Amino acid sequence: LRDQLDRDRTYVEAMQSRLNALTTDFVNRDDPAQRNQISADRQKALAELERLKKAVEAGVKAIAALEEEARRAAVPPGWLR
């Protein structure tokens, strides 16, 4: 779960960088056709960023739930690290 959470957080950072680059590119373009394509790419990147943020949130909740379940089962804390 922690590895997946780390991967998702890395993807969030990468997607945020891509979104920033697309936003900059959109502002600097004059051609309407290119702006439309960049706008479509920005919308896709924004949707993917939101999906990844939800995955990170779900990962954090899953880890917390696992730790709570282990605590209730009297599992030593060091086993989960």
Protein backbone atom coordinates (compact mmCIF):
# COMPACT_ATOMS: atom_id res chain seq x y z
CA LEU A 1 0.00 0.00 0.00
CA ARG A 2 2.82 2.39 0.82
CA ASP A 3 4.58 1.69 -2.48
CA GLN A 4 1.38 2.37 -4.39
CA LEU A 5 0.84 5.57 -2.43
CA ASP A 6 4.39 6.72 -3.21
CA ARG A 7 3.85 5.97 -6.91
CA ASP A 8 0.55 7.86 -6.94
CA ARG A 9 2.14 10.87 -5.25
CA THR A 10 4.95 10.85 -7.82
CA TYR A 11 2.38 10.71 -10.62
CA VAL A 12 0.49 13.63 -9.06
CA GLU A 13 3.67 15.71 -9.09
CA ALA A 14 4.42 14.73 -12.69
CA MET A 15 0.88 15.46 -13.82
CA GLN A 16 0.95 18.83 -12.07
CA SER A 17 4.16 19.66 -13.93
CA ARG A 18 2.56 18.63 -17.22
CA LEU A 19 -0.50 20.73 -16.46
CA ASN A 20 1.69 23.75 -15.68
CA ALA A 21 3.61 23.28 -18.94
CA LEU A 22 0.39 22.99 -20.95
CA THR A 23 -1.00 26.11 -19.30
CA THR A 24 2.14 28.05 -20.18
CA ASP A 25 2.08 26.71 -23.72
CA PHE A 26 -1.60 27.64 -24.08
CA VAL A 27 -0.95 31.23 -22.99
CA ASN A 28 1.98 31.61 -25.38
CA ARG A 29 0.19 30.34 -28.51
CA ASP A 30 -1.60 32.59 -30.97
CA ASP A 31 -2.92 30.00 -33.40
CA PRO A 32 -6.54 29.06 -32.50
CA ALA A 33 -6.13 25.49 -33.78
CA GLN A 34 -3.07 24.90 -31.61
CA ARG A 35 -4.76 26.52 -28.63
CA ASN A 36 -7.77 24.20 -29.06
CA GLN A 37 -5.51 21.14 -29.10
CA ILE A 38 -3.58 22.34 -26.06
CA SER A 39 -6.85 23.13 -24.29
CA ALA A 40 -8.08 19.57 -24.92
CA ASP A 41 -4.79 18.18 -23.61
CA ARG A 42 -5.08 20.42 -20.52
CA GLN A 43 -8.58 19.12 -19.82
CA LYS A 44 -7.37 15.52 -20.06
CA ALA A 45 -4.42 16.28 -17.79
CA LEU A 46 -6.69 18.02 -15.29
CA ALA A 47 -9.06 15.03 -15.21
CA GLU A 48 -6.14 12.66 -14.71
CA LEU A 49 -4.74 14.87 -11.94
CA GLU A 50 -8.08 14.78 -10.12
CA ARG A 51 -8.22 11.00 -10.49
CA LEU A 52 -4.71 10.67 -9.09
CA LYS A 53 -5.49 12.96 -6.16
CA LYS A 54 -8.46 10.75 -5.31
CA ALA A 55 -6.20 7.68 -5.55
CA VAL A 56 -3.74 9.28 -3.12
CA GLU A 57 -6.56 10.09 -0.73
CA ALA A 58 -7.86 6.53 -0.98
CA GLY A 59 -4.35 5.18 -0.39
CA VAL A 60 -3.95 7.24 2.76
CA LYS A 61 -7.30 5.98 4.02
CA ALA A 62 -6.41 2.37 3.17
CA ILE A 63 -3.15 2.58 5.10
CA ALA A 64 -4.91 4.11 8.08
CA ALA A 65 -7.56 1.38 7.96
CA LEU A 66 -4.91 -1.34 7.77
CA GLU A 67 -3.01 0.14 10.71
CA GLU A 68 -6.22 0.35 12.76
CA GLU A 69 -7.13 -3.24 11.88
CA ALA A 70 -3.64 -4.39 12.86
CA ARG A 71 -3.86 -2.46 16.13
CA ARG A 72 -7.14 -4.16 16.97
CA ALA A 73 -5.58 -7.53 16.17
CA ALA A 74 -2.68 -6.75 18.57
CA VAL A 75 -0.07 -6.83 15.81
CA PRO A 76 3.20 -5.28 16.97
CA PRO A 77 3.64 -1.83 15.37
CA GLY A 78 7.06 -2.65 13.91
CA TRP A 79 5.58 -5.31 11.67
CA LEU A 80 3.78 -2.74 9.56
CA ARG A 81 6.82 -0.61 8.80
